[in-house]
Amino acid sequence: QESSKMRSSSAIRSLLSLRTDKATLLVLEGYDAAVDGDDASRARAMHEEEMDAKLVHIGDVVKVRPFQRMPADGVVVLGKSSADESLLTGETRPIEKDVGQEVVR
């Protein structure tokens, strides 16, 4: 039983190490999540702010660069890319993501 607990603790620590502790908040002009929903194509980027990932709130727009870990679950509102969802789906290749599609960390 003790070795089972140690393996579980080790697995949890491994999963937690995959989290990112930083996020890049993208401040947009002309985008309101409550009005525009999942489409920020008409918005204009004003500036970026580095922040602690724990401070990301619902409605924030976060920039995720290629191969960067997701700081939070969310929806693509601008652009398209690929996301590594292997921990959730078991899929070994990145999944293509486009505006309106959900992403998970």
PDB file of N, CA and C in Angstrom:
ATOM      1  N   GLN A   1       0.824  -1.196   0.000  1.00  0.00           N
ATOM      2  CA  GLN A   1       0.000   0.000   0.000  1.00  0.00           C
ATOM      3  C   GLN A   1       0.870   1.263   0.000  1.00  0.00           C
ATOM      4  N   GLU A   2       1.945   1.242   0.738  1.00  0.00           N
ATOM      5  CA  GLU A   2       2.831   2.409   0.798  1.00  0.00           C
ATOM      6  C   GLU A   2       3.470   2.686  -0.556  1.00  0.00           C
ATOM      7  N   SER A   3       3.876   1.647  -1.264  1.00  0.00           N
ATOM      8  CA  SER A   3       4.498   1.849  -2.584  1.00  0.00           C
ATOM      9  C   SER A   3       3.473   2.373  -3.588  1.00  0.00           C
ATOM     10  N   SER A   4       2.224   1.973  -3.429  1.00  0.00           N
ATOM     11  CA  SER A   4       1.150   2.479  -4.292  1.00  0.00           C
ATOM     12  C   SER A   4       0.966   3.981  -4.081  1.00  0.00           C
ATOM     13  N   LYS A   5       1.008   4.422  -2.836  1.00  0.00           N
ATOM     14  CA  LYS A   5       0.891   5.850  -2.521  1.00  0.00           C
ATOM     15  C   LYS A   5       2.059   6.622  -3.115  1.00  0.00           C
ATOM     16  N   MET A   6       3.262   6.053  -3.024  1.00  0.00           N
ATOM     17  CA  MET A   6       4.444   6.732  -3.555  1.00  0.00           C
ATOM     18  C   MET A   6       4.352   6.860  -5.073  1.00  0.00           C
ATOM     19  N   ARG A   7       3.865   5.815  -5.757  1.00  0.00           N
ATOM     20  CA  ARG A   7       3.712   5.881  -7.215  1.00  0.00           C
ATOM     21  C   ARG A   7       2.676   6.923  -7.594  1.00  0.00           C
ATOM     22  N   SER A   8       1.579   6.974  -6.853  1.00  0.00           N
ATOM     23  CA  SER A   8       0.533   7.967  -7.120  1.00  0.00           C
ATOM     24  C   SER A   8       1.069   9.376  -6.914  1.00  0.00           C
ATOM     25  N   SER A   9       1.800   9.589  -5.847  1.00  0.00           N
ATOM     26  CA  SER A   9       2.377  10.907  -5.574  1.00  0.00           C
ATOM     27  C   SER A   9       3.355  11.299  -6.665  1.00  0.00           C
ATOM     28  N   SER A  10       4.144  10.349  -7.108  1.00  0.00           N
ATOM     29  CA  SER A  10       5.110  10.620  -8.174  1.00  0.00           C
ATOM     30  C   SER A  10       4.395  10.978  -9.471  1.00  0.00           C
ATOM     31  N   ALA A  11       3.318  10.280  -9.779  1.00  0.00           N
ATOM     32  CA  ALA A  11       2.555  10.556 -10.998  1.00  0.00           C
ATOM     33  C   ALA A  11       1.930  11.949 -10.938  1.00  0.00           C
ATOM     34  N   ILE A  12       1.413  12.319  -9.793  1.00  0.00           N
ATOM     35  CA  ILE A  12       0.807  13.648  -9.633  1.00  0.00           C
ATOM     36  C   ILE A  12       1.868  14.734  -9.770  1.00  0.00           C
ATOM     37  N   ARG A  13       3.043  14.537  -9.167  1.00  0.00           N
ATOM     38  CA  ARG A  13       4.126  15.514  -9.305  1.00  0.00           C
ATOM     39  C   ARG A  13       4.538  15.655 -10.769  1.00  0.00           C
ATOM     40  N   SER A  14       4.568  14.539 -11.503  1.00  0.00           N
ATOM     41  CA  SER A  14       4.929  14.590 -12.925  1.00  0.00           C
ATOM     42  C   SER A  14       3.915  15.406 -13.715  1.00  0.00           C
ATOM     43  N   LEU A  15       2.638  15.205 -13.427  1.00  0.00           N
ATOM     44  CA  LEU A  15       1.596  15.969 -14.118  1.00  0.00           C
ATOM     45  C   LEU A  15       1.692  17.457 -13.778  1.00  0.00           C
ATOM     46  N   LEU A  16       1.917  17.763 -12.528  1.00  0.00           N
ATOM     47  CA  LEU A  16       2.011  19.162 -12.110  1.00  0.00           C
ATOM     48  C   LEU A  16       3.218  19.855 -12.731  1.00  0.00           C
ATOM     49  N   SER A  17       4.264  19.104 -13.005  1.00  0.00           N
ATOM     50  CA  SER A  17       5.450  19.704 -13.614  1.00  0.00           C
ATOM     51  C   SER A  17       5.195  20.114 -15.061  1.00  0.00           C
ATOM     52  N   LEU A  18       4.131  19.622 -15.664  1.00  0.00           N
ATOM     53  CA  LEU A  18       3.797  19.970 -17.039  1.00  0.00           C
ATOM     54  C   LEU A  18       3.060  21.308 -17.139  1.00  0.00           C
ATOM     55  N   ARG A  19       2.633  21.845 -16.009  1.00  0.00           N
ATOM     56  CA  ARG A  19       1.958  23.141 -16.013  1.00  0.00           C
ATOM     57  C   ARG A  19       2.949  24.248 -16.301  1.00  0.00           C
ATOM     58  N   THR A  20       2.449  25.327 -16.834  1.00  0.00           N
ATOM     59  CA  THR A  20       3.282  26.517 -17.006  1.00  0.00           C
ATOM     60  C   THR A  20       2.909  27.505 -15.913  1.00  0.00           C
ATOM     61  N   ASP A  21       3.869  28.280 -15.467  1.00  0.00           N
ATOM     62  CA  ASP A  21       3.571  29.238 -14.411  1.00  0.00           C
ATOM     63  C   ASP A  21       3.435  30.654 -14.952  1.00  0.00           C
ATOM     64  N   LYS A  22       3.681  30.848 -16.251  1.00  0.00           N
ATOM     65  CA  LYS A  22       3.576  32.173 -16.867  1.00  0.00           C
ATOM     66  C   LYS A  22       2.522  32.177 -17.976  1.00  0.00           C
ATOM     67  N   ALA A  23       1.932  33.323 -18.188  1.00  0.00           N
ATOM     68  CA  ALA A  23       0.973  33.515 -19.275  1.00  0.00           C
ATOM     69  C   ALA A  23       1.233  34.880 -19.903  1.00  0.00           C
ATOM     70  N   THR A  24       0.945  34.988 -21.193  1.00  0.00           N
ATOM     71  CA  THR A  24       1.079  36.271 -21.882  1.00  0.00           C
ATOM     72  C   THR A  24      -0.326  36.791 -22.174  1.00  0.00           C
ATOM     73  N   LEU A  25      -0.757  37.767 -21.402  1.00  0.00           N
ATOM     74  CA  LEU A  25      -2.069  38.379 -21.585  1.00  0.00           C
ATOM     75  C   LEU A  25      -2.003  39.285 -22.809  1.00  0.00           C
ATOM     76  N   LEU A  26      -2.928  39.100 -23.722  1.00  0.00           N
ATOM     77  CA  LEU A  26      -2.996  39.910 -24.933  1.00  0.00           C
ATOM     78  C   LEU A  26      -4.121  40.915 -24.756  1.00  0.00           C
ATOM     79  N   VAL A  27      -3.758  42.190 -24.705  1.00  0.00           N
ATOM     80  CA  VAL A  27      -4.739  43.255 -24.531  1.00  0.00           C
ATOM     81  C   VAL A  27      -5.191  43.686 -25.926  1.00  0.00           C
ATOM     82  N   LEU A  28      -6.482  43.516 -26.202  1.00  0.00           N
ATOM     83  CA  LEU A  28      -7.038  43.795 -27.519  1.00  0.00           C
ATOM     84  C   LEU A  28      -7.962  44.996 -27.490  1.00  0.00           C
ATOM     85  N   GLU A  29      -7.942  45.767 -28.552  1.00  0.00           N
ATOM     86  CA  GLU A  29      -8.890  46.862 -28.735  1.00  0.00           C
ATOM     87  C   GLU A  29      -9.960  46.360 -29.695  1.00  0.00           C
ATOM     88  N   GLY A  30     -11.208  46.565 -29.362  1.00  0.00           N
ATOM     89  CA  GLY A  30     -12.292  46.165 -30.245  1.00  0.00           C
ATOM     90  C   GLY A  30     -12.749  44.734 -30.049  1.00  0.00           C
ATOM     91  N   TYR A  31     -12.425  44.133 -28.892  1.00  0.00           N
ATOM     92  CA  TYR A  31     -12.886  42.778 -28.607  1.00  0.00           C
ATOM     93  C   TYR A  31     -13.462  42.724 -27.208  1.00  0.00           C
ATOM     94  N   ASP A  32     -14.670  42.197 -27.111  1.00  0.00           N
ATOM     95  CA  ASP A  32     -15.329  41.984 -25.829  1.00  0.00           C
ATOM     96  C   ASP A  32     -15.862  40.564 -25.864  1.00  0.00           C
ATOM     97  N   ALA A  33     -15.331  39.701 -25.005  1.00  0.00           N
ATOM     98  CA  ALA A  33     -15.714  38.283 -25.004  1.00  0.00           C
ATOM     99  C   ALA A  33     -17.226  38.098 -24.855  1.00  0.00           C
ATOM    100  N   ALA A  34     -17.865  38.964 -24.073  1.00  0.00           N
ATOM    101  CA  ALA A  34     -19.311  38.842 -23.862  1.00  0.00           C
ATOM    102  C   ALA A  34     -20.095  39.143 -25.138  1.00  0.00           C
ATOM    103  N   VAL A  35     -19.550  40.002 -25.996  1.00  0.00           N
ATOM    104  CA  VAL A  35     -20.238  40.405 -27.225  1.00  0.00           C
ATOM    105  C   VAL A  35     -19.766  39.585 -28.421  1.00  0.00           C
ATOM    106  N   ASP A  36     -18.449  39.476 -28.573  1.00  0.00           N
ATOM    107  CA  ASP A  36     -17.872  38.841 -29.753  1.00  0.00           C
ATOM    108  C   ASP A  36     -17.709  37.333 -29.639  1.00  0.00           C
ATOM    109  N   GLY A  37     -17.844  36.788 -28.439  1.00  0.00           N
ATOM    110  CA  GLY A  37     -17.724  35.340 -28.267  1.00  0.00           C
ATOM    111  C   GLY A  37     -16.345  34.838 -28.631  1.00  0.00           C
ATOM    112  N   ASP A  38     -16.308  33.843 -29.529  1.00  0.00           N
ATOM    113  CA  ASP A  38     -15.059  33.170 -29.866  1.00  0.00           C
ATOM    114  C   ASP A  38     -14.367  33.742 -31.091  1.00  0.00           C
ATOM    115  N   ASP A  39     -14.687  34.956 -31.491  1.00  0.00           N
ATOM    116  CA  ASP A  39     -14.090  35.513 -32.703  1.00  0.00           C
ATOM    117  C   ASP A  39     -13.545  36.913 -32.440  1.00  0.00           C
ATOM    118  N   ALA A  40     -12.220  36.994 -32.389  1.00  0.00           N
ATOM    119  CA  ALA A  40     -11.573  38.287 -32.157  1.00  0.00           C
ATOM    120  C   ALA A  40     -10.906  38.800 -33.425  1.00  0.00           C
ATOM    121  N   SER A  41     -11.384  38.336 -34.572  1.00  0.00           N
ATOM    122  CA  SER A  41     -10.725  38.681 -35.841  1.00  0.00           C
ATOM    123  C   SER A  41     -10.779  40.176 -36.158  1.00  0.00           C
ATOM    124  N   ARG A  42     -11.755  40.889 -35.622  1.00  0.00           N
ATOM    125  CA  ARG A  42     -11.843  42.332 -35.886  1.00  0.00           C
ATOM    126  C   ARG A  42     -11.042  43.152 -34.860  1.00  0.00           C
ATOM    127  N   ALA A  43     -10.510  42.485 -33.865  1.00  0.00           N
ATOM    128  CA  ALA A  43      -9.788  43.187 -32.800  1.00  0.00           C
ATOM    129  C   ALA A  43      -8.380  43.560 -33.251  1.00  0.00           C
ATOM    130  N   ARG A  44      -7.825  44.510 -32.553  1.00  0.00           N
ATOM    131  CA  ARG A  44      -6.460  44.941 -32.819  1.00  0.00           C
ATOM    132  C   ARG A  44      -5.644  44.797 -31.531  1.00  0.00           C
ATOM    133  N   ALA A  45      -4.501  44.126 -31.639  1.00  0.00           N
ATOM    134  CA  ALA A  45      -3.648  43.928 -30.466  1.00  0.00           C
ATOM    135  C   ALA A  45      -3.031  45.249 -30.050  1.00  0.00           C
ATOM    136  N   MET A  46      -3.182  45.592 -28.792  1.00  0.00           N
ATOM    137  CA  MET A  46      -2.615  46.832 -28.263  1.00  0.00           C
ATOM    138  C   MET A  46      -1.246  46.568 -27.642  1.00  0.00           C
ATOM    139  N   HIS A  47      -1.194  45.595 -26.734  1.00  0.00           N
ATOM    140  CA  HIS A  47       0.082  45.227 -26.120  1.00  0.00           C
ATOM    141  C   HIS A  47      -0.052  43.883 -25.415  1.00  0.00           C
ATOM    142  N   GLU A  48       1.089  43.365 -24.977  1.00  0.00           N
ATOM    143  CA  GLU A  48       1.140  42.101 -24.260  1.00  0.00           C
ATOM    144  C   GLU A  48       1.684  42.341 -22.863  1.00  0.00           C
ATOM    145  N   GLU A  49       1.192  41.542 -21.913  1.00  0.00           N
ATOM    146  CA  GLU A  49       1.664  41.634 -20.531  1.00  0.00           C
ATOM    147  C   GLU A  49       1.978  40.245 -20.026  1.00  0.00           C
ATOM    148  N   GLU A  50       3.195  40.041 -19.517  1.00  0.00           N
ATOM    149  CA  GLU A  50       3.542  38.773 -18.884  1.00  0.00           C
ATOM    150  C   GLU A  50       2.910  38.752 -17.500  1.00  0.00           C
ATOM    151  N   MET A  51       2.328  37.611 -17.129  1.00  0.00           N
ATOM    152  CA  MET A  51       1.682  37.511 -15.827  1.00  0.00           C
ATOM    153  C   MET A  51       1.763  36.089 -15.302  1.00  0.00           C
ATOM    154  N   ASP A  52       1.465  35.915 -14.044  1.00  0.00           N
ATOM    155  CA  ASP A  52       1.407  34.605 -13.432  1.00  0.00           C
ATOM    156  C   ASP A  52       0.183  33.878 -13.990  1.00  0.00           C
ATOM    157  N   ALA A  53       0.343  32.637 -14.411  1.00  0.00           N
ATOM    158  CA  ALA A  53      -0.766  31.875 -15.003  1.00  0.00           C
ATOM    159  C   ALA A  53      -1.932  31.705 -14.036  1.00  0.00           C
ATOM    160  N   LYS A  54      -1.669  31.744 -12.745  1.00  0.00           N
ATOM    161  CA  LYS A  54      -2.737  31.608 -11.749  1.00  0.00           C
ATOM    162  C   LYS A  54      -3.699  32.798 -11.761  1.00  0.00           C
ATOM    163  N   LEU A  55      -3.262  33.908 -12.377  1.00  0.00           N
ATOM    164  CA  LEU A  55      -4.075  35.123 -12.395  1.00  0.00           C
ATOM    165  C   LEU A  55      -4.945  35.249 -13.642  1.00  0.00           C
ATOM    166  N   VAL A  56      -4.914  34.254 -14.532  1.00  0.00           N
ATOM    167  CA  VAL A  56      -5.748  34.275 -15.738  1.00  0.00           C
ATOM    168  C   VAL A  56      -7.203  34.085 -15.320  1.00  0.00           C
ATOM    169  N   HIS A  57      -8.074  34.968 -15.828  1.00  0.00           N
ATOM    170  CA  HIS A  57      -9.502  34.933 -15.497  1.00  0.00           C
ATOM    171  C   HIS A  57     -10.327  34.618 -16.740  1.00  0.00           C
ATOM    172  N   ILE A  58     -11.553  34.217 -16.520  1.00  0.00           N
ATOM    173  CA  ILE A  58     -12.491  33.999 -17.622  1.00  0.00           C
ATOM    174  C   ILE A  58     -12.627  35.310 -18.397  1.00  0.00           C
ATOM    175  N   GLY A  59     -12.524  35.230 -19.716  1.00  0.00           N
ATOM    176  CA  GLY A  59     -12.629  36.408 -20.563  1.00  0.00           C
ATOM    177  C   GLY A  59     -11.284  36.989 -20.967  1.00  0.00           C
ATOM    178  N   ASP A  60     -10.199  36.605 -20.276  1.00  0.00           N
ATOM    179  CA  ASP A  60      -8.868  37.063 -20.664  1.00  0.00           C
ATOM    180  C   ASP A  60      -8.475  36.419 -21.984  1.00  0.00           C
ATOM    181  N   VAL A  61      -7.740  37.145 -22.798  1.00  0.00           N
ATOM    182  CA  VAL A  61      -7.196  36.613 -24.046  1.00  0.00           C
ATOM    183  C   VAL A  61      -5.712  36.396 -23.806  1.00  0.00           C
ATOM    184  N   VAL A  62      -5.281  35.155 -23.967  1.00  0.00           N
ATOM    185  CA  VAL A  62      -3.902  34.783 -23.682  1.00  0.00           C
ATOM    186  C   VAL A  62      -3.233  34.328 -24.970  1.00  0.00           C
ATOM    187  N   LYS A  63      -2.055  34.836 -25.221  1.00  0.00           N
ATOM    188  CA  LYS A  63      -1.292  34.443 -26.398  1.00  0.00           C
ATOM    189  C   LYS A  63      -0.469  33.195 -26.059  1.00  0.00           C
ATOM    190  N   VAL A  64      -0.601  32.179 -26.900  1.00  0.00           N
ATOM    191  CA  VAL A  64       0.171  30.954 -26.721  1.00  0.00           C
ATOM    192  C   VAL A  64       0.988  30.743 -27.980  1.00  0.00           C
ATOM    193  N   ARG A  65       2.278  30.729 -27.827  1.00  0.00           N
ATOM    194  CA  ARG A  65       3.186  30.551 -28.957  1.00  0.00           C
ATOM    195  C   ARG A  65       3.325  29.061 -29.295  1.00  0.00           C
ATOM    196  N   PRO A  66       3.792  28.747 -30.515  1.00  0.00           N
ATOM    197  CA  PRO A  66       3.983  27.335 -30.874  1.00  0.00           C
ATOM    198  C   PRO A  66       4.870  26.614 -29.851  1.00  0.00           C
ATOM    199  N   PHE A  67       4.459  25.418 -29.496  1.00  0.00           N
ATOM    200  CA  PHE A  67       5.154  24.522 -28.569  1.00  0.00           C
ATOM    201  C   PHE A  67       5.143  25.014 -27.127  1.00  0.00           C
ATOM    202  N   GLN A  68       4.409  26.077 -26.855  1.00  0.00           N
ATOM    203  CA  GLN A  68       4.293  26.591 -25.489  1.00  0.00           C
ATOM    204  C   GLN A  68       3.141  25.871 -24.803  1.00  0.00           C
ATOM    205  N   ARG A  69       3.256  25.633 -23.515  1.00  0.00           N
ATOM    206  CA  ARG A  69       2.177  24.987 -22.759  1.00  0.00           C
ATOM    207  C   ARG A  69       1.030  25.965 -22.547  1.00  0.00           C
ATOM    208  N   MET A  70      -0.176  25.419 -22.507  1.00  0.00           N
ATOM    209  CA  MET A  70      -1.369  26.238 -22.281  1.00  0.00           C
ATOM    210  C   MET A  70      -1.432  26.624 -20.806  1.00  0.00           C
ATOM    211  N   PRO A  71      -1.603  27.905 -20.497  1.00  0.00           N
ATOM    212  CA  PRO A  71      -1.697  28.315 -19.099  1.00  0.00           C
ATOM    213  C   PRO A  71      -3.076  28.030 -18.490  1.00  0.00           C
ATOM    214  N   ALA A  72      -4.086  27.813 -19.344  1.00  0.00           N
ATOM    215  CA  ALA A  72      -5.451  27.558 -18.853  1.00  0.00           C
ATOM    216  C   ALA A  72      -6.269  26.935 -19.975  1.00  0.00           C
ATOM    217  N   ASP A  73      -7.377  26.327 -19.605  1.00  0.00           N
ATOM    218  CA  ASP A  73      -8.314  25.852 -20.621  1.00  0.00           C
ATOM    219  C   ASP A  73      -8.948  27.066 -21.274  1.00  0.00           C
ATOM    220  N   GLY A  74      -9.368  26.920 -22.528  1.00  0.00           N
ATOM    221  CA  GLY A  74      -9.992  28.055 -23.184  1.00  0.00           C
ATOM    222  C   GLY A  74     -10.491  27.739 -24.567  1.00  0.00           C
ATOM    223  N   VAL A  75     -10.723  28.787 -25.326  1.00  0.00           N
ATOM    224  CA  VAL A  75     -11.225  28.702 -26.691  1.00  0.00           C
ATOM    225  C   VAL A  75     -10.353  29.582 -27.569  1.00  0.00           C
ATOM    226  N   VAL A  76     -10.020  29.104 -28.749  1.00  0.00           N
ATOM    227  CA  VAL A  76      -9.234  29.897 -29.693  1.00  0.00           C
ATOM    228  C   VAL A  76     -10.115  31.036 -30.206  1.00  0.00           C
ATOM    229  N   VAL A  77      -9.641  32.277 -30.055  1.00  0.00           N
ATOM    230  CA  VAL A  77     -10.411  33.434 -30.512  1.00  0.00           C
ATOM    231  C   VAL A  77      -9.728  34.172 -31.656  1.00  0.00           C
ATOM    232  N   LEU A  78      -8.466  33.849 -31.905  1.00  0.00           N
ATOM    233  CA  LEU A  78      -7.715  34.548 -32.941  1.00  0.00           C
ATOM    234  C   LEU A  78      -6.606  33.632 -33.451  1.00  0.00           C
ATOM    235  N   GLY A  79      -6.512  33.468 -34.755  1.00  0.00           N
ATOM    236  CA  GLY A  79      -5.449  32.658 -35.341  1.00  0.00           C
ATOM    237  C   GLY A  79      -5.741  31.174 -35.299  1.00  0.00           C
ATOM    238  N   LYS A  80      -4.727  30.391 -35.637  1.00  0.00           N
ATOM    239  CA  LYS A  80      -4.846  28.938 -35.549  1.00  0.00           C
ATOM    240  C   LYS A  80      -3.462  28.346 -35.366  1.00  0.00           C
ATOM    241  N   SER A  81      -3.434  27.154 -34.791  1.00  0.00           N
ATOM    242  CA  SER A  81      -2.169  26.490 -34.522  1.00  0.00           C
ATOM    243  C   SER A  81      -2.454  25.045 -34.160  1.00  0.00           C
ATOM    244  N   SER A  82      -1.500  24.413 -33.535  1.00  0.00           N
ATOM    245  CA  SER A  82      -1.651  23.036 -33.072  1.00  0.00           C
ATOM    246  C   SER A  82      -1.462  23.011 -31.565  1.00  0.00           C
ATOM    247  N   ALA A  83      -2.134  22.075 -30.919  1.00  0.00           N
ATOM    248  CA  ALA A  83      -2.034  21.945 -29.470  1.00  0.00           C
ATOM    249  C   ALA A  83      -1.734  20.496 -29.111  1.00  0.00           C
ATOM    250  N   ASP A  84      -0.853  20.315 -28.147  1.00  0.00           N
ATOM    251  CA  ASP A  84      -0.511  18.980 -27.663  1.00  0.00           C
ATOM    252  C   ASP A  84      -1.522  18.587 -26.588  1.00  0.00           C
ATOM    253  N   GLU A  85      -2.384  17.647 -26.903  1.00  0.00           N
ATOM    254  CA  GLU A  85      -3.385  17.177 -25.953  1.00  0.00           C
ATOM    255  C   GLU A  85      -3.152  15.715 -25.602  1.00  0.00           C
ATOM    256  N   SER A  86      -1.909  15.281 -25.714  1.00  0.00           N
ATOM    257  CA  SER A  86      -1.584  13.868 -25.514  1.00  0.00           C
ATOM    258  C   SER A  86      -1.926  13.369 -24.119  1.00  0.00           C
ATOM    259  N   LEU A  87      -1.822  14.224 -23.103  1.00  0.00           N
ATOM    260  CA  LEU A  87      -2.171  13.788 -21.752  1.00  0.00           C
ATOM    261  C   LEU A  87      -3.642  13.443 -21.619  1.00  0.00           C
ATOM    262  N   LEU A  88      -4.491  14.103 -22.405  1.00  0.00           N
ATOM    263  CA  LEU A  88      -5.930  13.871 -22.307  1.00  0.00           C
ATOM    264  C   LEU A  88      -6.428  12.827 -23.289  1.00  0.00           C
ATOM    265  N   THR A  89      -5.901  12.887 -24.513  1.00  0.00           N
ATOM    266  CA  THR A  89      -6.448  12.042 -25.575  1.00  0.00           C
ATOM    267  C   THR A  89      -5.586  10.845 -25.909  1.00  0.00           C
ATOM    268  N   GLY A  90      -4.304  10.896 -25.552  1.00  0.00           N
ATOM    269  CA  GLY A  90      -3.397   9.827 -25.927  1.00  0.00           C
ATOM    270  C   GLY A  90      -2.879   9.986 -27.349  1.00  0.00           C
ATOM    271  N   GLU A  91      -3.393  10.977 -28.061  1.00  0.00           N
ATOM    272  CA  GLU A  91      -2.956  11.246 -29.434  1.00  0.00           C
ATOM    273  C   GLU A  91      -1.511  11.722 -29.397  1.00  0.00           C
ATOM    274  N   THR A  92      -0.655  11.090 -30.184  1.00  0.00           N
ATOM    275  CA  THR A  92       0.767  11.424 -30.135  1.00  0.00           C
ATOM    276  C   THR A  92       1.115  12.670 -30.928  1.00  0.00           C
ATOM    277  N   ARG A  93       0.287  13.031 -31.890  1.00  0.00           N
ATOM    278  CA  ARG A  93       0.570  14.226 -32.700  1.00  0.00           C
ATOM    279  C   ARG A  93      -0.272  15.403 -32.221  1.00  0.00           C
ATOM    280  N   PRO A  94       0.247  16.615 -32.406  1.00  0.00           N
ATOM    281  CA  PRO A  94      -0.542  17.797 -32.034  1.00  0.00           C
ATOM    282  C   PRO A  94      -1.849  17.867 -32.834  1.00  0.00           C
ATOM    283  N   ILE A  95      -2.876  18.412 -32.206  1.00  0.00           N
ATOM    284  CA  ILE A  95      -4.199  18.546 -32.802  1.00  0.00           C
ATOM    285  C   ILE A  95      -4.336  19.959 -33.361  1.00  0.00           C
ATOM    286  N   GLU A  96      -4.765  20.074 -34.626  1.00  0.00           N
ATOM    287  CA  GLU A  96      -4.984  21.383 -35.239  1.00  0.00           C
ATOM    288  C   GLU A  96      -6.143  22.094 -34.537  1.00  0.00           C
ATOM    289  N   LYS A  97      -5.947  23.367 -34.240  1.00  0.00           N
ATOM    290  CA  LYS A  97      -6.961  24.183 -33.575  1.00  0.00           C
ATOM    291  C   LYS A  97      -7.208  25.443 -34.376  1.00  0.00           C
ATOM    292  N   ASP A  98      -8.479  25.821 -34.493  1.00  0.00           N
ATOM    293  CA  ASP A  98      -8.884  27.006 -35.244  1.00  0.00           C
ATOM    294  C   ASP A  98      -9.853  27.811 -34.388  1.00  0.00           C
ATOM    295  N   VAL A  99     -10.212  28.997 -34.829  1.00  0.00           N
ATOM    296  CA  VAL A  99     -11.113  29.875 -34.076  1.00  0.00           C
ATOM    297  C   VAL A  99     -12.398  29.108 -33.716  1.00  0.00           C
ATOM    298  N   GLY A 100     -12.773  29.230 -32.444  1.00  0.00           N
ATOM    299  CA  GLY A 100     -13.978  28.590 -31.935  1.00  0.00           C
ATOM    300  C   GLY A 100     -13.745  27.232 -31.313  1.00  0.00           C
ATOM    301  N   GLN A 101     -12.555  26.650 -31.480  1.00  0.00           N
ATOM    302  CA  GLN A 101     -12.289  25.333 -30.923  1.00  0.00           C
ATOM    303  C   GLN A 101     -11.700  25.451 -29.527  1.00  0.00           C
ATOM    304  N   GLU A 102     -12.039  24.480 -28.667  1.00  0.00           N
ATOM    305  CA  GLU A 102     -11.548  24.474 -27.296  1.00  0.00           C
ATOM    306  C   GLU A 102     -10.124  23.955 -27.235  1.00  0.00           C
ATOM    307  N   VAL A 103      -9.353  24.494 -26.304  1.00  0.00           N
ATOM    308  CA  VAL A 103      -8.024  24.005 -25.986  1.00  0.00           C
ATOM    309  C   VAL A 103      -7.980  23.715 -24.489  1.00  0.00           C
ATOM    310  N   VAL A 104      -7.201  22.717 -24.139  1.00  0.00           N
ATOM    311  CA  VAL A 104      -7.071  22.346 -22.733  1.00  0.00           C
ATOM    312  C   VAL A 104      -5.601  22.285 -22.365  1.00  0.00           C
ATOM    313  N   ARG A 105      -5.320  22.582 -21.122  1.00  0.00           N
ATOM    314  CA  ARG A 105      -3.908  22.539 -20.715  1.00  0.00           C
ATOM    315  C   ARG A 105      -3.528  21.181 -20.237  1.00  0.00           C
TER     316      ARG A 105
END
